C-alpha atoms as a PDB file:
ATOM      1  CA  MET A   1      -8.067  -4.927  11.003  1.00  0.00           C
ATOM      2  CA  ILE A   2      -5.331  -5.595   8.489  1.00  0.00           C
ATOM      3  CA  ARG A   3      -4.984  -3.326   5.487  1.00  0.00           C
ATOM      4  CA  SER A   4      -4.033  -3.901   1.915  1.00  0.00           C
ATOM      5  CA  MET A   5      -1.391  -1.612   0.460  1.00  0.00           C
ATOM      6  CA  THR A   6      -3.593  -0.860  -2.534  1.00  0.00           C
ATOM      7  CA  GLY A   7      -6.413   1.608  -2.109  1.00  0.00           C
ATOM      8  CA  PHE A   8      -8.144   4.702  -3.453  1.00  0.00           C
ATOM      9  CA  GLY A   9      -9.815   7.700  -1.856  1.00  0.00           C
ATOM     10  CA  ARG A  10     -11.376  10.883  -3.208  1.00  0.00           C
ATOM     11  CA  ALA A  11     -12.893  14.007  -1.654  1.00  0.00           C
ATOM     12  CA  GLU A  12     -14.027  17.471  -2.694  1.00  0.00           C
ATOM     13  CA  SER A  13     -14.284  20.775  -0.853  1.00  0.00           C
ATOM     14  CA  GLU A  14     -15.776  24.107  -1.890  1.00  0.00           C
ATOM     15  CA  ARG A  15     -15.529  27.616  -0.499  1.00  0.00           C
ATOM     16  CA  GLY A  16     -17.088  30.425  -2.462  1.00  0.00           C
ATOM     17  CA  ASN A  17     -15.360  30.427  -5.831  1.00  0.00           C
ATOM     18  CA  ASP A  18     -12.767  27.862  -4.796  1.00  0.00           C
ATOM     19  CA  LYS A  19     -13.099  24.116  -5.315  1.00  0.00           C
ATOM     20  CA  PHE A  20     -10.654  21.393  -4.269  1.00  0.00           C
ATOM     21  CA  THR A  21     -10.518  17.808  -5.477  1.00  0.00           C
ATOM     22  CA  VAL A  22      -8.131  15.444  -3.709  1.00  0.00           C
ATOM     23  CA  GLU A  23      -7.411  11.902  -4.904  1.00  0.00           C
ATOM     24  CA  MET A  24      -5.192   9.324  -3.189  1.00  0.00           C
ATOM     25  CA  LYS A  25      -4.160   5.977  -4.593  1.00  0.00           C
ATOM     26  CA  SER A  26      -1.468   3.498  -3.628  1.00  0.00           C
ATOM     27  CA  VAL A  27       0.332   0.329  -4.675  1.00  0.00           C
ATOM     28  CA  ASN A  28       2.741  -2.021  -2.901  1.00  0.00           C
ATOM     29  CA  ASN A  29       6.034  -0.763  -1.561  1.00  0.00           C
ATOM     30  CA  ARG A  30       8.409  -1.906   1.169  1.00  0.00           C
ATOM     31  CA  PHE A  31       8.323   1.526   2.806  1.00  0.00           C
ATOM     32  CA  LEU A  32       6.114   4.615   2.815  1.00  0.00           C
ATOM     33  CA  ASP A  33       6.723   6.633  -0.351  1.00  0.00           C
ATOM     34  CA  VAL A  34       4.448   9.657  -0.803  1.00  0.00           C
ATOM     35  CA  SER A  35       4.311  11.574  -4.073  1.00  0.00           C
ATOM     36  CA  VAL A  36       2.324  14.845  -4.199  1.00  0.00           C
ATOM     37  CA  ARG A  37       1.136  16.673  -7.297  1.00  0.00           C
ATOM     38  CA  MET A  38      -0.619  19.980  -6.658  1.00  0.00           C
ATOM     39  CA  PRO A  39      -0.686  23.628  -7.815  1.00  0.00           C
ATOM     40  CA  LYS A  40       2.324  25.726  -6.805  1.00  0.00           C
ATOM     41  CA  ILE A  41       0.149  27.879  -4.575  1.00  0.00           C
ATOM     42  CA  PHE A  42       0.017  25.008  -2.088  1.00  0.00           C
ATOM     43  CA  ASN A  43       3.729  24.194  -2.079  1.00  0.00           C
ATOM     44  CA  PRO A  44       4.249  25.728   1.392  1.00  0.00           C
ATOM     45  CA  TYR A  45       1.876  23.096   2.799  1.00  0.00           C
ATOM     46  CA  GLU A  46       3.414  20.002   1.216  1.00  0.00           C
ATOM     47  CA  ALA A  47       5.200  18.974   4.415  1.00  0.00           C
ATOM     48  CA  SER A  48       1.979  19.328   6.411  1.00  0.00           C
ATOM     49  CA  LEU A  49       0.105  17.266   3.821  1.00  0.00           C
ATOM     50  CA  ARG A  50       2.692  14.489   4.095  1.00  0.00           C
ATOM     51  CA  GLU A  51       2.305  14.470   7.869  1.00  0.00           C
ATOM     52  CA  ILE A  52      -1.431  13.901   7.443  1.00  0.00           C
ATOM     53  CA  VAL A  53      -0.779  10.918   5.192  1.00  0.00           C
ATOM     54  CA  LYS A  54       1.608   9.389   7.752  1.00  0.00           C
ATOM     55  CA  ARG A  55      -1.255   9.230  10.229  1.00  0.00           C
ATOM     56  CA  TYR A  56      -3.247   7.040   7.847  1.00  0.00           C
ATOM     57  CA  ALA A  57      -0.601   4.801   6.246  1.00  0.00           C
ATOM     58  CA  GLU A  58       2.692   3.193   7.213  1.00  0.00           C
ATOM     59  CA  ARG A  59       3.670   1.445   3.969  1.00  0.00           C
ATOM     60  CA  GLY A  60       2.959   1.716   0.261  1.00  0.00           C
ATOM     61  CA  LYS A  61       3.689   4.010  -2.665  1.00  0.00           C
ATOM     62  CA  ILE A  62       1.006   6.668  -2.341  1.00  0.00           C
ATOM     63  CA  ASP A  63       0.236   9.206  -5.060  1.00  0.00           C
ATOM     64  CA  ILE A  64      -1.760  12.300  -4.111  1.00  0.00           C
ATOM     65  CA  TYR A  65      -3.341  14.543  -6.713  1.00  0.00           C
ATOM     66  CA  VAL A  66      -4.731  17.948  -5.749  1.00  0.00           C
ATOM     67  CA  ASN A  67      -6.832  19.872  -8.252  1.00  0.00           C
ATOM     68  CA  TYR A  68      -7.733  23.496  -7.478  1.00  0.00           C
ATOM     69  CA  GLU A  69     -10.399  25.362  -9.426  1.00  0.00           C
ATOM     70  CA  HIS A  70     -10.776  29.098  -9.011  1.00  0.00           C
ATOM     71  CA  GLU A  71     -13.242  31.320 -10.894  1.00  0.00           C
ATOM     72  CA  ALA A  72     -11.227  33.747 -13.001  1.00  0.00           C
ATOM     73  CA  GLY A  73     -11.676  37.391 -12.047  1.00  0.00           C
ATOM     74  CA  SER A  74     -13.516  36.718  -8.824  1.00  0.00           C
ATOM     75  CA  ASP A  75     -10.736  38.275  -6.749  1.00  0.00           C
ATOM     76  CA  VAL A  76     -10.055  41.227  -9.072  1.00  0.00           C
ATOM     77  CA  VAL A  77     -10.427  44.745  -7.602  1.00  0.00           C
ATOM     78  CA  VAL A  78     -10.588  47.836  -9.855  1.00  0.00           C
ATOM     79  CA  THR A  79      -9.628  51.197  -8.345  1.00  0.00           C
ATOM     80  CA  TYR A  80      -8.641  54.560  -9.800  1.00  0.00           C
ATOM     81  CA  ASN A  81      -5.486  56.463  -9.067  1.00  0.00           C
ATOM     82  CA  ARG A  82      -6.744  59.761  -7.708  1.00  0.00           C
ATOM     83  CA  ALA A  83      -3.472  61.636  -8.033  1.00  0.00           C
ATOM     84  CA  VAL A  84      -2.909  60.574 -11.632  1.00  0.00           C
ATOM     85  CA  ALA A  85      -6.538  61.261 -12.587  1.00  0.00           C
ATOM     86  CA  LYS A  86      -6.360  64.760 -11.065  1.00  0.00           C
ATOM     87  CA  GLN A  87      -3.139  65.546 -12.907  1.00  0.00           C
ATOM     88  CA  TYR A  88      -4.701  64.435 -16.193  1.00  0.00           C
ATOM     89  CA  ALA A  89      -7.803  66.601 -15.486  1.00  0.00           C
ATOM     90  CA  ASP A  90      -5.747  69.667 -14.502  1.00  0.00           C
ATOM     91  CA  ALA A  91      -3.519  69.305 -17.526  1.00  0.00           C
ATOM     92  CA  LEU A  92      -6.534  69.020 -19.866  1.00  0.00           C
ATOM     93  CA  LYS A  93      -8.176  72.097 -18.333  1.00  0.00           C
ATOM     94  CA  GLU A  94      -4.966  74.082 -18.638  1.00  0.00           C
ATOM     95  CA  MET A  95      -4.578  72.976 -22.246  1.00  0.00           C
ATOM     96  CA  ALA A  96      -8.187  73.965 -23.042  1.00  0.00           C
ATOM     97  CA  ALA A  97      -7.744  77.415 -21.485  1.00  0.00           C
ATOM     98  CA  GLU A  98      -4.527  78.156 -23.368  1.00  0.00           C
ATOM     99  CA  LEU A  99      -5.854  76.971 -26.709  1.00  0.00           C
ATOM    100  CA  GLY A 100      -9.308  78.475 -26.266  1.00  0.00           C
ATOM    101  CA  ILE A 101     -11.195  75.288 -26.939  1.00  0.00           C
ATOM    102  CA  ASP A 102     -13.976  73.456 -25.149  1.00  0.00           C
ATOM    103  CA  GLY A 103     -12.472  72.232 -21.864  1.00  0.00           C
ATOM    104  CA  ARG A 104     -15.171  69.775 -20.800  1.00  0.00           C
ATOM    105  CA  ILE A 105     -13.668  66.455 -19.820  1.00  0.00           C
ATOM    106  CA  GLY A 106     -15.695  63.221 -20.086  1.00  0.00           C
ATOM    107  CA  ILE A 107     -15.292  60.507 -17.512  1.00  0.00           C
ATOM    108  CA  HIS A 108     -14.827  57.853 -20.204  1.00  0.00           C
ATOM    109  CA  GLN A 109     -12.142  59.954 -21.798  1.00  0.00           C
ATOM    110  CA  LEU A 110     -10.294  60.373 -18.515  1.00  0.00           C
ATOM    111  CA  ALA A 111     -10.610  56.698 -17.597  1.00  0.00           C
ATOM    112  CA  GLY A 112      -8.925  55.721 -20.852  1.00  0.00           C
ATOM    113  CA  TYR A 113      -5.653  57.390 -19.968  1.00  0.00           C
ATOM    114  CA  PRO A 114      -2.803  55.164 -18.729  1.00  0.00           C
ATOM    115  CA  ASP A 115      -2.626  54.349 -15.017  1.00  0.00           C
ATOM    116  CA  VAL A 116      -5.910  56.042 -14.158  1.00  0.00           C
ATOM    117  CA  LEU A 117      -7.722  52.778 -13.586  1.00  0.00           C
ATOM    118  CA  VAL A 118      -5.778  50.158 -11.650  1.00  0.00           C
ATOM    119  CA  VAL A 119      -6.738  46.484 -11.926  1.00  0.00           C
ATOM    120  CA  LYS A 120      -5.394  44.391  -9.044  1.00  0.00           C
ATOM    121  CA  GLU A 121      -5.975  40.755  -8.067  1.00  0.00           C
ATOM    122  CA  GLU A 122      -6.160  40.256  -4.337  1.00  0.00           C
ATOM    123  CA  ASP A 123      -3.958  37.604  -2.824  1.00  0.00           C
ATOM    124  CA  PRO A 124      -5.950  34.590  -1.624  1.00  0.00           C
ATOM    125  CA  ASP A 125      -6.309  33.893   2.072  1.00  0.00           C
ATOM    126  CA  GLN A 126      -3.624  31.211   2.401  1.00  0.00           C
ATOM    127  CA  ALA A 127      -4.745  30.083   5.845  1.00  0.00           C
ATOM    128  CA  ALA A 128      -8.336  29.622   4.683  1.00  0.00           C
ATOM    129  CA  LEU A 129      -7.209  27.769   1.562  1.00  0.00           C
ATOM    130  CA  TRP A 130      -5.074  25.390   3.613  1.00  0.00           C
ATOM    131  CA  GLY A 131      -7.952  24.775   6.010  1.00  0.00           C
ATOM    132  CA  ASP A 132     -10.198  23.709   3.129  1.00  0.00           C
ATOM    133  CA  LEU A 133      -7.465  21.643   1.496  1.00  0.00           C
ATOM    134  CA  GLN A 134      -6.663  19.935   4.798  1.00  0.00           C
ATOM    135  CA  ALA A 135     -10.305  18.985   5.287  1.00  0.00           C
ATOM    136  CA  ALA A 136     -10.462  17.495   1.778  1.00  0.00           C
ATOM    137  CA  VAL A 137      -7.233  15.555   2.329  1.00  0.00           C
ATOM    138  CA  GLU A 138      -8.543  14.160   5.627  1.00  0.00           C
ATOM    139  CA  ARG A 139     -11.769  12.937   3.996  1.00  0.00           C
ATOM    140  CA  ALA A 140      -9.899  11.423   1.042  1.00  0.00           C
ATOM    141  CA  ALA A 141      -7.542   9.672   3.482  1.00  0.00           C
ATOM    142  CA  GLU A 142     -10.460   8.216   5.455  1.00  0.00           C
ATOM    143  CA  GLU A 143     -12.014   6.813   2.274  1.00  0.00           C
ATOM    144  CA  PHE A 144      -8.574   5.578   1.230  1.00  0.00           C
ATOM    145  CA  VAL A 145      -8.112   3.699   4.516  1.00  0.00           C
ATOM    146  CA  ALA A 146     -11.612   2.223   4.312  1.00  0.00           C
ATOM    147  CA  ALA A 147     -10.802   0.819   0.854  1.00  0.00           C
ATOM    148  CA  ARG A 148      -7.536  -0.629   2.171  1.00  0.00           C
ATOM    149  CA  GLU A 149      -9.282  -2.264   5.117  1.00  0.00           C
ATOM    150  CA  LYS A 150     -11.977  -3.753   2.912  1.00  0.00           C
ATOM    151  CA  GLU A 151      -9.412  -5.364   0.624  1.00  0.00           C
ATOM    152  CA  GLY A 152      -7.341  -6.357   3.658  1.00  0.00           C
ATOM    153  CA  ALA A 153     -10.300  -8.323   5.033  1.00  0.00           C
ATOM    154  CA  PHE A 154     -10.525 -10.291   1.783  1.00  0.00           C
ATOM    155  CA  LEU A 155      -6.781 -10.975   1.884  1.00  0.00           C
ATOM    156  CA  ALA A 156      -6.977 -12.218   5.476  1.00  0.00           C
ATOM    157  CA  GLN A 157      -9.879 -14.501   4.622  1.00  0.00           C
ATOM    158  CA  ASP A 158      -8.026 -15.942   1.642  1.00  0.00           C
ATOM    159  CA  ILE A 159      -4.794 -16.473   3.601  1.00  0.00           C
ATOM    160  CA  ARG A 160      -6.662 -18.232   6.428  1.00  0.00           C
ATOM    161  CA  LYS A 161      -8.186 -20.653   3.912  1.00  0.00           C
ATOM    162  CA  LYS A 162      -4.702 -21.485   2.672  1.00  0.00           C
ATOM    163  CA  LEU A 163      -3.459 -21.892   6.249  1.00  0.00           C
ATOM    164  CA  ASP A 164      -6.257 -24.407   6.880  1.00  0.00           C
ATOM    165  CA  LEU A 165      -5.208 -26.332   3.798  1.00  0.00           C
ATOM    166  CA  MET A 166      -1.613 -26.294   5.038  1.00  0.00           C
ATOM    167  CA  ARG A 167      -2.731 -27.687   8.399  1.00  0.00           C
ATOM    168  CA  ARG A 168      -4.385 -30.609   6.629  1.00  0.00           C
ATOM    169  CA  GLU A 169      -1.305 -31.275   4.507  1.00  0.00           C
ATOM    170  CA  VAL A 170       0.965 -31.143   7.571  1.00  0.00           C
ATOM    171  CA  ALA A 171      -1.316 -33.543   9.455  1.00  0.00           C
ATOM    172  CA  PHE A 172      -1.304 -35.968   6.526  1.00  0.00           C
ATOM    173  CA  ILE A 173       2.495 -35.928   6.224  1.00  0.00           C
ATOM    174  CA  GLN A 174       2.837 -36.352   9.979  1.00  0.00           C
ATOM    175  CA  ASP A 175       0.592 -39.418   9.882  1.00  0.00           C
ATOM    176  CA  ARG A 176       2.225 -40.844   6.774  1.00  0.00           C
ATOM    177  CA  ALA A 177       5.879 -40.405   7.828  1.00  0.00           C
ATOM    178  CA  PRO A 178       6.105 -43.424  10.213  1.00  0.00           C
ATOM    179  CA  ALA A 179       4.512 -45.679   7.600  1.00  0.00           C
ATOM    180  CA  ILE A 180       7.223 -45.026   5.015  1.00  0.00           C
ATOM    181  CA  VAL A 181       9.931 -46.077   7.486  1.00  0.00           C
ATOM    182  CA  GLU A 182       8.064 -49.311   8.174  1.00  0.00           C
ATOM    183  CA  GLU A 183       7.582 -49.812   4.427  1.00  0.00           C
ATOM    184  CA  TYR A 184      11.286 -49.307   3.861  1.00  0.00           C
ATOM    185  CA  ARG A 185      12.051 -51.883   6.552  1.00  0.00           C
ATOM    186  CA  ARG A 186       9.744 -54.414   4.901  1.00  0.00           C
ATOM    187  CA  GLN A 187      11.195 -53.831   1.437  1.00  0.00           C
ATOM    188  CA  LEU A 188      14.758 -53.988   2.730  1.00  0.00           C
ATOM    189  CA  THR A 189      14.104 -57.243   4.592  1.00  0.00           C
ATOM    190  CA  GLU A 190      12.513 -58.827   1.510  1.00  0.00           C
ATOM    191  CA  LYS A 191      15.417 -57.708  -0.675  1.00  0.00           C
ATOM    192  CA  VAL A 192      18.032 -59.109   1.706  1.00  0.00           C
ATOM    193  CA  GLN A 193      16.131 -62.354   2.060  1.00  0.00           C
ATOM    194  CA  SER A 194      15.944 -62.766  -1.701  1.00  0.00           C
ATOM    195  CA  LEU A 195      19.674 -62.165  -2.006  1.00  0.00           C
ATOM    196  CA  LEU A 196      20.571 -64.579   0.781  1.00  0.00           C
ATOM    197  CA  SER A 197      18.057 -67.206  -0.355  1.00  0.00           C
ATOM    198  CA  GLU A 198      17.926 -69.557   2.563  1.00  0.00           C
ATOM    199  CA  GLY A 199      20.561 -67.763   4.622  1.00  0.00           C
ATOM    200  CA  ALA A 200      19.799 -66.042   7.896  1.00  0.00           C
ATOM    201  CA  VAL A 201      19.005 -62.357   7.839  1.00  0.00           C
ATOM    202  CA  ASP A 202      21.135 -60.142  10.098  1.00  0.00           C
ATOM    203  CA  GLU A 203      18.394 -58.347  11.990  1.00  0.00           C
ATOM    204  CA  ASN A 204      20.836 -55.926  13.587  1.00  0.00           C
ATOM    205  CA  ARG A 205      22.055 -54.785  10.187  1.00  0.00           C
ATOM    206  CA  ILE A 206      18.474 -54.312   9.076  1.00  0.00           C
ATOM    207  CA  VAL A 207      17.744 -52.195  12.144  1.00  0.00           C
ATOM    208  CA  GLN A 208      20.871 -50.138  11.508  1.00  0.00           C
ATOM    209  CA  GLU A 209      19.953 -49.448   7.885  1.00  0.00           C
ATOM    210  CA  VAL A 210      16.377 -48.588   8.811  1.00  0.00           C
ATOM    211  CA  THR A 211      17.624 -46.215  11.523  1.00  0.00           C
ATOM    212  CA  ILE A 212      19.885 -44.430   9.038  1.00  0.00           C
ATOM    213  CA  TYR A 213      17.046 -44.184   6.550  1.00  0.00           C
ATOM    214  CA  ALA A 214      14.597 -42.918   9.196  1.00  0.00           C
ATOM    215  CA  ASP A 215      17.044 -40.223  10.243  1.00  0.00           C
ATOM    216  CA  ARG A 216      17.576 -39.151   6.627  1.00  0.00           C
ATOM    217  CA  VAL A 217      13.874 -38.775   5.839  1.00  0.00           C
ATOM    218  CA  ALA A 218      12.765 -37.511   9.259  1.00  0.00           C
ATOM    219  CA  VAL A 219      10.780 -34.271   8.992  1.00  0.00           C
ATOM    220  CA  ASP A 220       9.456 -34.076  12.541  1.00  0.00           C
ATOM    221  CA  GLU A 221      11.368 -30.916  13.369  1.00  0.00           C
ATOM    222  CA  GLU A 222      10.355 -29.243  10.129  1.00  0.00           C
ATOM    223  CA  LEU A 223       6.697 -30.125  10.692  1.00  0.00           C
ATOM    224  CA  VAL A 224       6.773 -28.764  14.254  1.00  0.00           C
ATOM    225  CA  ARG A 225       8.311 -25.490  13.111  1.00  0.00           C
ATOM    226  CA  LEU A 226       5.920 -25.266  10.185  1.00  0.00           C
ATOM    227  CA  LYS A 227       2.906 -25.726  12.447  1.00  0.00           C
ATOM    228  CA  SER A 228       4.295 -23.026  14.717  1.00  0.00           C
ATOM    229  CA  HIS A 229       4.649 -20.609  11.788  1.00  0.00           C
ATOM    230  CA  ILE A 230       1.102 -21.371  10.628  1.00  0.00           C
ATOM    231  CA  GLU A 231      -0.347 -20.553  14.048  1.00  0.00           C
ATOM    232  CA  ALA A 232       1.825 -17.444  14.346  1.00  0.00           C
ATOM    233  CA  MET A 233       0.578 -16.137  11.002  1.00  0.00           C
ATOM    234  CA  ASP A 234      -3.019 -16.880  11.934  1.00  0.00           C
ATOM    235  CA  HIS A 235      -2.489 -14.904  15.147  1.00  0.00           C
ATOM    236  CA  GLU A 236      -0.892 -11.967  13.319  1.00  0.00           C
ATOM    237  CA  LEU A 237      -3.885 -11.744  10.984  1.00  0.00           C
ATOM    238  CA  SER A 238      -6.012 -10.822  14.016  1.00  0.00           C
ATOM    239  CA  ARG A 239      -3.766  -7.951  15.091  1.00  0.00           C
ATOM    240  CA  GLU A 240      -4.155  -4.256  14.375  1.00  0.00           C
ATOM    241  CA  GLY A 241      -1.598  -2.073  12.642  1.00  0.00           C
ATOM    242  CA  SER A 242       1.131  -2.744  10.136  1.00  0.00           C
ATOM    243  CA  ILE A 243       1.846  -6.495  10.070  1.00  0.00           C
ATOM    244  CA  GLY A 244       2.951  -6.996   6.466  1.00  0.00           C
ATOM    245  CA  LYS A 245       6.677  -7.280   7.239  1.00  0.00           C
ATOM    246  CA  LYS A 246       6.051  -9.843   9.987  1.00  0.00           C
ATOM    247  CA  LEU A 247       3.818 -11.893   7.683  1.00  0.00           C
ATOM    248  CA  ASP A 248       6.450 -11.744   4.958  1.00  0.00           C
ATOM    249  CA  PHE A 249       9.062 -13.078   7.387  1.00  0.00           C
ATOM    250  CA  LEU A 250       6.774 -15.933   8.481  1.00  0.00           C
ATOM    251  CA  ALA A 251       6.025 -16.792   4.849  1.00  0.00           C
ATOM    252  CA  GLN A 252       9.745 -17.018   4.120  1.00  0.00           C
ATOM    253  CA  GLU A 253      10.220 -19.357   7.081  1.00  0.00           C
ATOM    254  CA  MET A 254       7.299 -21.526   5.976  1.00  0.00           C
ATOM    255  CA  ASN A 255       8.813 -21.700   2.523  1.00  0.00           C
ATOM    256  CA  ARG A 256      12.130 -22.829   4.005  1.00  0.00           C
ATOM    257  CA  GLU A 257      10.496 -25.640   5.999  1.00  0.00           C
ATOM    258  CA  SER A 258       8.308 -26.837   3.111  1.00  0.00           C
ATOM    259  CA  ASN A 259      11.360 -26.950   0.814  1.00  0.00           C
ATOM    260  CA  THR A 260      13.222 -29.087   3.348  1.00  0.00           C
ATOM    261  CA  ILE A 261      10.277 -31.465   3.733  1.00  0.00           C
ATOM    262  CA  LEU A 262      10.052 -31.871  -0.029  1.00  0.00           C
ATOM    263  CA  SER A 263      13.798 -32.428  -0.440  1.00  0.00           C
ATOM    264  CA  LYS A 264      13.882 -35.107   2.273  1.00  0.00           C
ATOM    265  CA  SER A 265      10.976 -37.085   0.945  1.00  0.00           C
ATOM    266  CA  ASP A 266      11.483 -40.057  -1.357  1.00  0.00           C
ATOM    267  CA  ASP A 267       7.924 -41.254  -0.908  1.00  0.00           C
ATOM    268  CA  LEU A 268       5.698 -40.359  -3.857  1.00  0.00           C
ATOM    269  CA  VAL A 269       2.608 -39.811  -1.724  1.00  0.00           C
ATOM    270  CA  ILE A 270       4.375 -37.500   0.734  1.00  0.00           C
ATOM    271  CA  SER A 271       6.070 -35.698  -2.156  1.00  0.00           C
ATOM    272  CA  ASP A 272       2.678 -34.951  -3.723  1.00  0.00           C
ATOM    273  CA  HIS A 273       1.412 -33.460  -0.460  1.00  0.00           C
ATOM    274  CA  ALA A 274       4.669 -31.582   0.122  1.00  0.00           C
ATOM    275  CA  ILE A 275       4.303 -30.025  -3.330  1.00  0.00           C
ATOM    276  CA  GLU A 276       0.764 -28.950  -2.443  1.00  0.00           C
ATOM    277  CA  LEU A 277       2.135 -27.541   0.806  1.00  0.00           C
ATOM    278  CA  LYS A 278       4.781 -25.562  -1.036  1.00  0.00           C
ATOM    279  CA  THR A 279       2.194 -24.303  -3.535  1.00  0.00           C
ATOM    280  CA  CYS A 280       0.085 -22.938  -0.670  1.00  0.00           C
ATOM    281  CA  VAL A 281       3.119 -21.204   0.808  1.00  0.00           C
ATOM    282  CA  GLU A 282       3.948 -19.574  -2.531  1.00  0.00           C
ATOM    283  CA  LYS A 283       0.408 -18.250  -2.838  1.00  0.00           C
ATOM    284  CA  ILE A 284       0.536 -16.898   0.701  1.00  0.00           C
ATOM    285  CA  ARG A 285       3.859 -15.197  -0.024  1.00  0.00           C
ATOM    286  CA  GLU A 286       2.256 -13.432  -2.979  1.00  0.00           C
ATOM    287  CA  GLN A 287      -0.696 -12.324  -0.889  1.00  0.00           C
ATOM    288  CA  VAL A 288       1.292 -10.958   2.052  1.00  0.00           C
ATOM    289  CA  GLN A 289       3.189  -8.687  -0.344  1.00  0.00           C
ATOM    290  CA  ASN A 290      -0.078  -6.732  -0.601  1.00  0.00           C
ATOM    291  CA  ILE A 291      -0.513  -6.264   3.156  1.00  0.00           C
ATOM    292  CA  GLU A 292       0.583  -3.082   4.899  1.00  0.00           C
END
């Protein structure tokens, strides 16, 4: 199934006090361009995150946003420094004995001295965090791809409708082309006869002029190539994988052939249909720019 280069995916993951939110969105781009915005704590895993994205997309400018919520204080550990606390207690007892005052020491008093209580925040388990983040990225990428495929199906349907219209225009021009040569022959013969009045018409000269005209307005080769490009594009739309560049190439070739057909035509009816043909090609060229 073909994919659009525009899409969006979102996923969340929770572990205890940690919560991840991953969002992916993309727009058109000739190549794969991945931009990642996430907390510095995950910087060591940026390369791994990009490798995940490469498994799900081949083209497009993809922006990834990672939000990490962590409950403040949940990883804080409070301990007391035994050696420091004992030195404070011994010093207070010695002071009380020398000064002859009450030497009872309260726990709250002792805990208030510097460096007795130590507050330390434990380092998070990086491997566990990456495992949760990876899972969220994978789910967001799957939703992202599903959105791309859904839009890609609509693009394929729309392009096929335009290809059908092009087939009809090509068939009309192909049927009409011989008639304009015959019409030119008739008009040329009448014009020569009117100029010569009662004189004899040189049939060989008429045939020569008609042959030159037919060669000048002939679009048989262009129509054959155009039909080939139409069928090739229709075939590519049924393929899997990244086909956007191939479709873009075919659209350029179709545009070249339709321009030539239009430039060669001096018949108003064929010109009208050639313009419609070129309009279809332009619309297809716009659409294929959105395909991965």
